Amino acid sequence: MAIPYMETVVGFMIVMYVFETYLDTRQHTALKLPTLPKTLVGVISQEKFEKSRAYSLDKSHFHFVHEFVTILMDSAMLFFGILPWFWKLSGGFLPMVGLDPENEILHTLSFLAGVMIWSQITDLPFSLYSTFVIETRHGFNKQTIWMFFRDMVKGILLSVVLAPPIVAAIIVIVQKGGPYLAIYLWAFMFILSLVMMTIYPVLIAPLFNKFTPLPDGDLREKIEKLASSLKFPLTKLFVVDGSTRSSHSNAYMYGFFKNKRIVLYDTLIQQCKNEDEIVAVIAHELGHWKLNHTTYSFIAVQILTLLQFGGYTLVRNSTDLFRSFGFDTQPVLIGLIIFQHTVIPLQHLVSFGLNLVSRAFEFQADAFAVKLGYAKDLRPALVKLQEENLSAMNTDPLYSAYHYSHPPLVERLRAIDGQDKKTD
């Protein structure tokens, strides 16, 4: 008797939805608490707490609706055979435009085009509501409806340009890969990730935001001095106009080897009036670099990618697997999609493990900044970021342990104080 792969996958998706809804409910209850955690009393103003509470509850209500609609659609797509029906429909479209339906690359691109259109249509109401209702209501959204749709069109055009050669390469590799298929697929994705990390900040990110050099002054001098003291090969220091779309703030770094760049959101500079607080945030980010967190994370992703492709090669020729999902042929892309669905349990475990590691890295980066003498500036900087971004002040421990890649503010402040006492 054939194994009911599809039914098992749908069943697990529903089980995970119920489990995560339970965690969401716990977090929603925590968000409704009328008082600040003891650690934040006197640190966060009552006004900011009330605003954060209202914002978090609005997002929580929206999340419940979005996740319910998502599980209904995803389960229906699999259970009612919509995926194989759409695959056949996309193949039937090709002769209408004079293309060969037997060409798997063309058939796959036709299928992906349809999926992209469907995704845009189904996601649009949620994106519009999130941006122009929730984010606007709480003072974050700065973009116009024109800018919203312009960005959406840019994203679609980028997909149209980038997806065909990538998809074609993957199909050819699978068709020609032989016994070393997993290694070839991993090597291709490894090279692709390096290429994308190189061209994204230079060619793609500027399509959506304006990057300008940080003006000369005390802030630039302090950041350059810090980078130099750590032998960080800083080549460029940018400010990005994040305020044109949102008042949320952030900072990040990127680049390979001796070509590193740091980017500050203009909102971060506006919100942190004390320049030393901004430098403390950068010290935290440089801690990730100095402690090789980025390298470790990249290596972990590469290992997981290789293992995933290895698993795919074990099932890609399984007729029972394809038939369970309603397919009488075995297209490469469909095989990858089905495989991703069958390893959902492992993906959840891996995601949880990566979050644990990420939180440990955040504590280490904070400790690094404290050892450099930035404790008195890092603490208020983190509080300021929490306040200005209206991040959740009360968090359920199970919810945060499962979902958060960064520790809650209460835990970070406690760790910083403890590390500062050790340093003293």
Protein backbone atom coordinates (compact mmCIF):
# COMPACT_ATOMS: atom_id res chain seq x y z
CA MET A 1 0.00 0.00 0.00
CA ALA A 2 1.32 3.43 -0.97
CA ILE A 3 2.36 5.73 1.86
CA PRO A 4 -0.09 8.71 2.20
CA TYR A 5 2.63 11.35 1.91
CA MET A 6 0.30 14.22 1.04
CA GLU A 7 -2.18 13.47 3.82
CA THR A 8 0.68 13.20 6.31
CA VAL A 9 2.12 16.55 5.20
CA VAL A 10 -1.25 18.30 5.43
CA GLY A 11 -1.83 16.71 8.82
CA PHE A 12 1.50 17.94 10.16
CA MET A 13 0.87 21.43 8.74
CA ILE A 14 -2.39 21.57 10.68
CA VAL A 15 -0.73 20.23 13.85
CA MET A 16 1.97 22.91 13.58
CA TYR A 17 -0.68 25.57 12.96
CA VAL A 18 -2.50 24.50 16.14
CA PHE A 19 0.77 24.46 18.13
CA GLU A 20 1.88 27.87 16.87
CA THR A 21 -1.59 29.32 17.42
CA TYR A 22 -1.32 28.13 21.02
CA LEU A 23 1.99 30.01 21.32
CA ASP A 24 0.44 33.07 19.62
CA THR A 25 -2.41 32.97 22.14
CA ARG A 26 0.08 32.88 25.03
CA GLN A 27 1.92 35.85 23.54
CA HIS A 28 -1.35 37.73 22.97
CA THR A 29 -2.17 37.25 26.65
CA ALA A 30 1.27 38.59 27.61
CA LEU A 31 0.78 41.61 25.37
CA LYS A 32 -2.48 42.46 27.15
CA LEU A 33 -0.72 42.79 30.53
CA PRO A 34 -1.32 46.37 31.78
CA THR A 35 2.06 46.81 33.45
CA LEU A 36 5.69 46.81 32.40
CA PRO A 37 8.10 44.04 33.43
CA LYS A 38 9.82 45.04 36.69
CA THR A 39 13.17 45.43 34.91
CA LEU A 40 11.71 48.09 32.60
CA VAL A 41 9.81 50.09 35.23
CA GLY A 42 11.36 53.55 35.28
CA VAL A 43 13.30 52.73 32.11
CA ILE A 44 10.45 52.79 29.60
CA SER A 45 7.91 55.59 29.90
CA GLN A 46 4.26 54.70 30.49
CA GLU A 47 3.30 56.57 27.32
CA LYS A 48 5.69 54.48 25.20
CA PHE A 49 4.50 51.31 26.91
CA GLU A 50 0.86 52.05 26.09
CA LYS A 51 1.75 52.80 22.47
CA SER A 52 3.85 49.63 22.22
CA ARG A 53 1.04 47.59 23.76
CA ALA A 54 -1.54 48.94 21.30
CA TYR A 55 0.78 48.38 18.31
CA SER A 56 1.69 44.84 19.38
CA LEU A 57 -1.95 43.90 19.95
CA ASP A 58 -2.96 45.25 16.55
CA LYS A 59 -0.22 43.18 14.91
CA SER A 60 -1.24 40.14 16.96
CA HIS A 61 -4.89 40.36 15.85
CA PHE A 62 -3.76 40.73 12.25
CA HIS A 63 -1.40 37.76 12.62
CA PHE A 64 -4.22 35.48 13.80
CA VAL A 65 -6.29 36.29 10.71
CA HIS A 66 -3.36 36.03 8.30
CA GLU A 67 -2.19 32.67 9.64
CA PHE A 68 -5.72 31.23 9.56
CA VAL A 69 -6.19 32.23 5.91
CA THR A 70 -2.70 30.93 5.05
CA ILE A 71 -3.25 27.45 6.54
CA LEU A 72 -6.64 27.19 4.79
CA MET A 73 -5.14 28.08 1.41
CA ASP A 74 -2.01 25.95 1.78
CA SER A 75 -3.95 22.90 2.95
CA ALA A 76 -6.54 23.29 0.19
CA MET A 77 -3.79 23.63 -2.44
CA LEU A 78 -2.42 20.23 -1.46
CA PHE A 79 -5.53 18.34 -0.37
CA PHE A 80 -7.68 19.23 -3.39
CA GLY A 81 -4.94 18.72 -5.98
CA ILE A 82 -4.73 22.37 -7.02
CA LEU A 83 -0.95 22.12 -7.45
CA PRO A 84 -1.03 19.38 -10.15
CA TRP A 85 -4.04 21.04 -11.80
CA PHE A 86 -2.13 24.32 -12.01
CA TRP A 87 0.93 22.51 -13.38
CA LYS A 88 -1.15 21.07 -16.23
CA LEU A 89 -2.84 24.42 -16.81
CA SER A 90 0.51 26.21 -17.11
CA GLY A 91 1.68 23.60 -19.62
CA GLY A 92 -1.47 24.05 -21.67
CA PHE A 93 -0.78 27.76 -21.90
CA LEU A 94 2.53 27.33 -23.75
CA PRO A 95 1.13 26.16 -27.17
CA MET A 96 -1.19 29.18 -27.12
CA VAL A 97 1.87 31.44 -27.34
CA GLY A 98 3.78 29.19 -29.74
CA LEU A 99 6.07 27.51 -27.19
CA ASP A 100 6.88 23.82 -26.70
CA PRO A 101 4.96 22.36 -23.71
CA GLU A 102 7.41 19.43 -23.59
CA ASN A 103 10.26 21.77 -22.71
CA GLU A 104 10.51 21.42 -18.93
CA ILE A 105 12.28 24.74 -18.47
CA LEU A 106 9.58 26.67 -20.33
CA HIS A 107 6.84 24.70 -18.56
CA THR A 108 8.41 25.46 -15.18
CA LEU A 109 8.76 29.17 -15.94
CA SER A 110 5.12 29.28 -17.04
CA PHE A 111 4.12 27.58 -13.79
CA LEU A 112 6.21 29.98 -11.69
CA ALA A 113 4.76 32.99 -13.49
CA GLY A 114 1.27 31.81 -12.60
CA VAL A 115 2.28 31.14 -9.00
CA MET A 116 3.83 34.62 -8.73
CA ILE A 117 0.65 36.26 -10.06
CA TRP A 118 -1.50 34.23 -7.67
CA SER A 119 0.77 35.05 -4.73
CA GLN A 120 0.70 38.75 -5.51
CA ILE A 121 -3.09 38.73 -5.68
CA THR A 122 -3.60 36.78 -2.45
CA ASP A 123 -0.89 38.62 -0.50
CA LEU A 124 -1.88 42.13 -1.66
CA PRO A 125 -4.83 42.70 0.73
CA PHE A 126 -2.72 41.67 3.71
CA SER A 127 0.25 43.81 2.62
CA LEU A 128 -2.00 46.84 2.06
CA TYR A 129 -3.72 46.43 5.42
CA SER A 130 -0.46 45.90 7.30
CA THR A 131 1.21 48.92 5.67
CA PHE A 132 -1.59 51.46 5.29
CA VAL A 133 -3.74 50.57 8.29
CA ILE A 134 -1.61 49.12 11.09
CA GLU A 135 1.73 50.80 10.32
CA THR A 136 0.02 54.10 9.47
CA ARG A 137 -2.20 54.01 12.57
CA HIS A 138 0.88 53.74 14.79
CA GLY A 139 2.94 56.34 12.95
CA PHE A 140 5.44 54.09 11.18
CA ASN A 141 4.38 54.06 7.55
CA LYS A 142 5.82 56.89 5.47
CA GLN A 143 5.32 55.54 1.95
CA THR A 144 2.55 56.54 -0.40
CA ILE A 145 0.34 54.10 -2.27
CA TRP A 146 2.28 54.99 -5.41
CA MET A 147 5.59 54.12 -3.78
CA PHE A 148 4.10 50.84 -2.50
CA PHE A 149 3.01 49.67 -5.95
CA ARG A 150 6.20 50.98 -7.55
CA ASP A 151 8.27 48.82 -5.20
CA MET A 152 6.00 45.85 -5.92
CA VAL A 153 6.47 46.25 -9.67
CA LYS A 154 10.24 46.56 -9.21
CA GLY A 155 10.24 43.32 -7.23
CA ILE A 156 8.25 41.54 -9.93
CA LEU A 157 10.57 42.80 -12.67
CA LEU A 158 13.61 41.64 -10.70
CA SER A 159 12.05 38.19 -10.39
CA VAL A 160 11.35 38.13 -14.12
CA VAL A 161 14.99 38.96 -14.84
CA LEU A 162 16.70 36.77 -12.23
CA ALA A 163 14.46 33.71 -11.95
CA PRO A 164 14.66 32.25 -15.51
CA PRO A 165 18.45 31.66 -15.62
CA ILE A 166 18.49 30.35 -12.04
CA VAL A 167 15.57 27.98 -12.61
CA ALA A 168 17.00 26.80 -15.93
CA ALA A 169 20.39 26.10 -14.32
CA ILE A 170 18.80 24.07 -11.50
CA ILE A 171 16.76 21.97 -13.94
CA VAL A 172 19.79 21.25 -16.12
CA ILE A 173 21.91 20.33 -13.09
CA VAL A 174 19.26 17.89 -11.85
CA GLN A 175 18.86 16.36 -15.30
CA LYS A 176 22.61 15.98 -15.84
CA GLY A 177 23.91 15.69 -12.26
CA GLY A 178 24.17 11.95 -11.92
CA PRO A 179 25.48 10.48 -8.64
CA TYR A 180 27.05 13.81 -7.56
CA LEU A 181 23.82 15.78 -8.02
CA ALA A 182 23.65 17.01 -4.41
CA ILE A 183 27.18 18.38 -4.57
CA TYR A 184 26.53 20.11 -7.92
CA LEU A 185 23.32 21.69 -6.65
CA TRP A 186 25.02 22.85 -3.47
CA ALA A 187 27.98 24.28 -5.42
CA PHE A 188 25.61 26.18 -7.69
CA MET A 189 23.65 27.62 -4.77
CA PHE A 190 26.89 28.46 -2.95
CA ILE A 191 28.18 30.45 -5.92
CA LEU A 192 24.76 32.03 -6.42
CA SER A 193 24.61 33.16 -2.79
CA LEU A 194 28.05 34.79 -3.09
CA VAL A 195 27.03 36.53 -6.29
CA MET A 196 23.76 37.77 -4.79
CA MET A 197 25.49 39.01 -1.62
CA THR A 198 27.88 40.93 -3.87
CA ILE A 199 25.41 42.49 -6.30
CA TYR A 200 22.46 43.05 -3.93
CA PRO A 201 23.89 46.03 -2.00
CA VAL A 202 25.44 47.51 -5.15
CA LEU A 203 22.78 46.96 -7.81
CA ILE A 204 19.51 45.84 -6.21
CA ALA A 205 19.18 47.68 -2.86
CA PRO A 206 19.72 51.11 -4.54
CA LEU A 207 16.62 50.42 -6.67
CA PHE A 208 14.53 50.73 -3.52
CA ASN A 209 16.53 53.08 -1.27
CA LYS A 210 19.01 55.90 -1.56
CA PHE A 211 22.43 55.32 0.00
CA THR A 212 24.59 58.36 0.75
CA PRO A 213 27.97 58.59 2.50
CA LEU A 214 27.75 59.50 6.19
CA PRO A 215 28.80 63.17 6.36
CA ASP A 216 32.09 64.11 7.96
CA GLY A 217 31.77 64.88 11.65
CA ASP A 218 32.09 63.44 15.13
CA LEU A 219 29.87 60.41 14.45
CA ARG A 220 31.84 59.36 11.40
CA GLU A 221 35.14 59.86 13.20
CA LYS A 222 34.02 57.77 16.17
CA ILE A 223 32.80 54.90 14.00
CA GLU A 224 35.97 54.92 11.89
CA LYS A 225 38.11 55.02 15.04
CA LEU A 226 36.21 52.05 16.49
CA ALA A 227 36.53 50.08 13.25
CA SER A 228 40.23 50.85 13.04
CA SER A 229 40.85 49.77 16.64
CA LEU A 230 39.30 46.37 15.82
CA LYS A 231 41.11 46.16 12.47
CA PHE A 232 37.72 46.05 10.75
CA PRO A 233 38.37 46.77 7.02
CA LEU A 234 35.77 49.52 6.71
CA THR A 235 35.75 50.93 3.17
CA LYS A 236 32.41 52.77 3.07
CA LEU A 237 30.01 54.19 5.61
CA PHE A 238 26.49 54.86 4.35
CA VAL A 239 23.22 56.35 5.52
CA VAL A 240 20.10 54.82 3.95
CA ASP A 241 16.87 56.79 3.62
CA GLY A 242 14.72 54.30 5.51
CA SER A 243 12.51 57.19 6.66
CA THR A 244 10.98 57.45 3.18
CA ARG A 245 9.11 54.19 3.85
CA SER A 246 9.06 53.67 7.61
CA SER A 247 10.19 55.20 10.88
CA HIS A 248 11.55 51.86 12.09
CA SER A 249 15.32 52.01 12.67
CA ASN A 250 18.26 49.68 12.22
CA ALA A 251 21.93 49.34 11.27
CA TYR A 252 23.85 46.59 9.50
CA MET A 253 27.13 45.72 7.82
CA TYR A 254 28.00 43.68 4.77
CA GLY A 255 30.84 42.85 2.40
CA PHE A 256 33.58 40.30 1.83
CA PHE A 257 37.15 40.11 3.05
CA LYS A 258 38.80 43.55 2.90
CA ASN A 259 35.76 45.35 1.50
CA LYS A 260 33.37 45.92 4.43
CA ARG A 261 30.62 48.50 4.58
CA ILE A 262 28.39 49.79 7.37
CA VAL A 263 24.90 51.15 6.77
CA LEU A 264 22.97 53.31 9.25
CA TYR A 265 19.29 54.01 8.85
CA ASP A 266 18.62 57.75 8.92
CA THR A 267 15.88 57.00 11.45
CA LEU A 268 18.50 55.56 13.83
CA ILE A 269 20.50 58.79 13.66
CA GLN A 270 17.34 60.84 14.22
CA GLN A 271 16.19 58.76 17.20
CA CYS A 272 19.53 58.42 19.02
CA LYS A 273 20.47 62.00 19.80
CA ASN A 274 23.55 60.81 21.67
CA GLU A 275 26.15 59.81 19.06
CA ASP A 276 27.85 57.45 21.51
CA GLU A 277 24.67 55.36 21.60
CA ILE A 278 24.88 54.88 17.83
CA VAL A 279 28.56 53.93 18.15
CA ALA A 280 27.57 51.40 20.84
CA VAL A 281 25.10 49.81 18.40
CA ILE A 282 27.88 49.62 15.81
CA ALA A 283 30.18 48.08 18.44
CA HIS A 284 27.56 45.35 18.89
CA GLU A 285 27.43 44.76 15.12
CA LEU A 286 31.21 44.67 14.90
CA GLY A 287 31.15 42.13 17.72
CA HIS A 288 29.31 39.76 15.37
CA TRP A 289 32.14 40.21 12.87
CA LYS A 290 34.99 39.93 15.38
CA LEU A 291 33.48 36.80 16.93
CA ASN A 292 32.94 35.24 13.47
CA HIS A 293 29.19 34.93 13.94
CA THR A 294 28.50 35.77 10.30
CA THR A 295 31.00 33.15 9.13
CA TYR A 296 29.59 30.48 11.44
CA SER A 297 26.05 31.24 10.30
CA PHE A 298 27.05 31.11 6.65
CA ILE A 299 28.81 27.76 7.12
CA ALA A 300 25.78 26.36 8.99
CA VAL A 301 23.48 27.41 6.14
CA GLN A 302 25.79 25.78 3.59
CA ILE A 303 25.86 22.51 5.54
CA LEU A 304 22.07 22.50 5.87
CA THR A 305 21.70 23.27 2.15
CA LEU A 306 23.96 20.36 1.22
CA LEU A 307 22.04 18.02 3.54
CA GLN A 308 18.74 19.15 2.04
CA PHE A 309 19.92 18.49 -1.49
CA GLY A 310 21.25 15.14 -0.34
CA GLY A 311 17.81 14.27 1.01
CA TYR A 312 16.19 15.46 -2.21
CA THR A 313 18.32 13.10 -4.30
CA LEU A 314 16.99 10.17 -2.24
CA VAL A 315 13.35 10.87 -3.11
CA ARG A 316 13.42 12.72 -6.43
CA ASN A 317 12.66 9.54 -8.39
CA SER A 318 9.96 8.27 -6.02
CA THR A 319 6.88 7.65 -8.16
CA ASP A 320 4.76 7.07 -5.05
CA LEU A 321 5.73 10.44 -3.63
CA PHE A 322 4.73 12.34 -6.77
CA ARG A 323 1.51 10.36 -7.19
CA SER A 324 0.54 11.02 -3.58
CA PHE A 325 0.50 14.74 -4.43
CA GLY A 326 -1.43 14.15 -7.67
CA PHE A 327 1.39 14.21 -10.24
CA ASP A 328 1.78 11.57 -12.95
CA THR A 329 5.07 13.11 -14.11
CA GLN A 330 8.18 14.05 -12.12
CA PRO A 331 9.21 17.65 -12.92
CA VAL A 332 12.33 18.93 -11.18
CA LEU A 333 10.75 22.00 -9.58
CA ILE A 334 7.72 20.06 -8.38
CA GLY A 335 10.05 17.49 -6.85
CA LEU A 336 11.84 20.22 -4.92
CA ILE A 337 8.53 21.72 -3.75
CA ILE A 338 7.20 18.34 -2.61
CA PHE A 339 10.45 17.53 -0.84
CA GLN A 340 10.33 20.84 1.03
CA HIS A 341 6.84 19.96 2.23
CA THR A 342 7.88 16.48 3.39
CA VAL A 343 10.74 17.81 5.54
CA ILE A 344 8.65 20.51 7.25
CA PRO A 345 9.08 18.79 10.66
CA LEU A 346 12.87 18.92 10.32
CA GLN A 347 12.73 22.51 9.11
CA HIS A 348 10.87 23.56 12.24
CA LEU A 349 13.46 21.85 14.42
CA VAL A 350 16.34 23.42 12.49
CA SER A 351 14.70 26.86 12.67
CA PHE A 352 14.32 26.49 16.45
CA GLY A 353 17.97 25.44 16.75
CA LEU A 354 19.17 28.37 14.64
CA ASN A 355 17.15 30.77 16.79
CA LEU A 356 18.84 29.39 19.90
CA VAL A 357 22.26 29.95 18.33
CA SER A 358 21.28 33.41 17.10
CA ARG A 359 20.18 34.49 20.58
CA ALA A 360 23.46 33.23 22.01
CA PHE A 361 25.30 35.28 19.37
CA GLU A 362 23.33 38.39 20.36
CA PHE A 363 24.32 38.00 24.01
CA GLN A 364 27.96 37.53 22.93
CA ALA A 365 27.88 40.63 20.70
CA ASP A 366 26.41 42.67 23.57
CA ALA A 367 29.13 41.38 25.90
CA PHE A 368 31.75 42.31 23.28
CA ALA A 369 30.47 45.90 23.18
CA VAL A 370 30.46 46.02 26.99
CA LYS A 371 34.09 44.85 27.13
CA LEU A 372 34.96 47.72 24.79
CA GLY A 373 33.49 50.11 27.36
CA TYR A 374 30.13 50.83 25.74
CA ALA A 375 27.85 49.46 28.49
CA LYS A 376 26.54 52.88 29.58
CA ASP A 377 25.73 53.74 25.94
CA LEU A 378 24.53 50.34 24.71
CA ARG A 379 21.93 50.04 27.44
CA PRO A 380 20.08 53.30 26.60
CA ALA A 381 20.54 52.63 22.88
CA LEU A 382 18.72 49.29 23.14
CA VAL A 383 16.01 50.94 25.24
CA LYS A 384 15.66 53.72 22.68
CA LEU A 385 15.38 51.23 19.80
CA GLN A 386 12.78 49.28 21.77
CA GLU A 387 10.79 52.44 22.48
CA GLU A 388 10.99 53.97 19.02
CA ASN A 389 10.13 50.72 17.25
CA LEU A 390 7.32 50.07 19.77
CA SER A 391 8.60 46.53 20.24
CA ALA A 392 6.74 44.22 22.61
CA MET A 393 7.65 44.92 26.22
CA ASN A 394 6.00 41.81 27.69
CA THR A 395 6.84 38.51 26.03
CA ASP A 396 5.74 34.97 26.77
CA PRO A 397 8.82 32.80 27.49
CA LEU A 398 7.66 29.87 25.34
CA TYR A 399 6.72 32.14 22.45
CA SER A 400 10.00 34.04 22.51
CA ALA A 401 12.04 30.83 22.87
CA TYR A 402 10.38 29.37 19.79
CA HIS A 403 10.15 32.45 17.54
CA TYR A 404 12.72 35.06 18.55
CA SER A 405 16.15 35.22 16.94
CA HIS A 406 17.00 38.07 19.36
CA PRO A 407 16.57 37.90 23.15
CA PRO A 408 13.84 40.09 24.69
CA LEU A 409 15.04 43.47 25.95
CA VAL A 410 14.64 42.45 29.61
CA GLU A 411 17.08 39.55 29.17
CA ARG A 412 19.59 41.67 27.24
CA LEU A 413 19.63 44.45 29.83
CA ARG A 414 20.08 41.90 32.63
CA ALA A 415 22.99 40.30 30.76
CA ILE A 416 24.60 43.69 30.03
CA ASP A 417 24.40 44.69 33.69
CA GLY A 418 25.94 41.39 34.73
CA GLN A 419 28.74 41.68 32.19
CA ASP A 420 29.38 45.30 33.15
CA LYS A 421 29.85 44.32 36.79
CA LYS A 422 32.36 41.63 35.75
CA THR A 423 34.24 44.17 33.64
CA ASP A 424 34.38 46.60 36.55
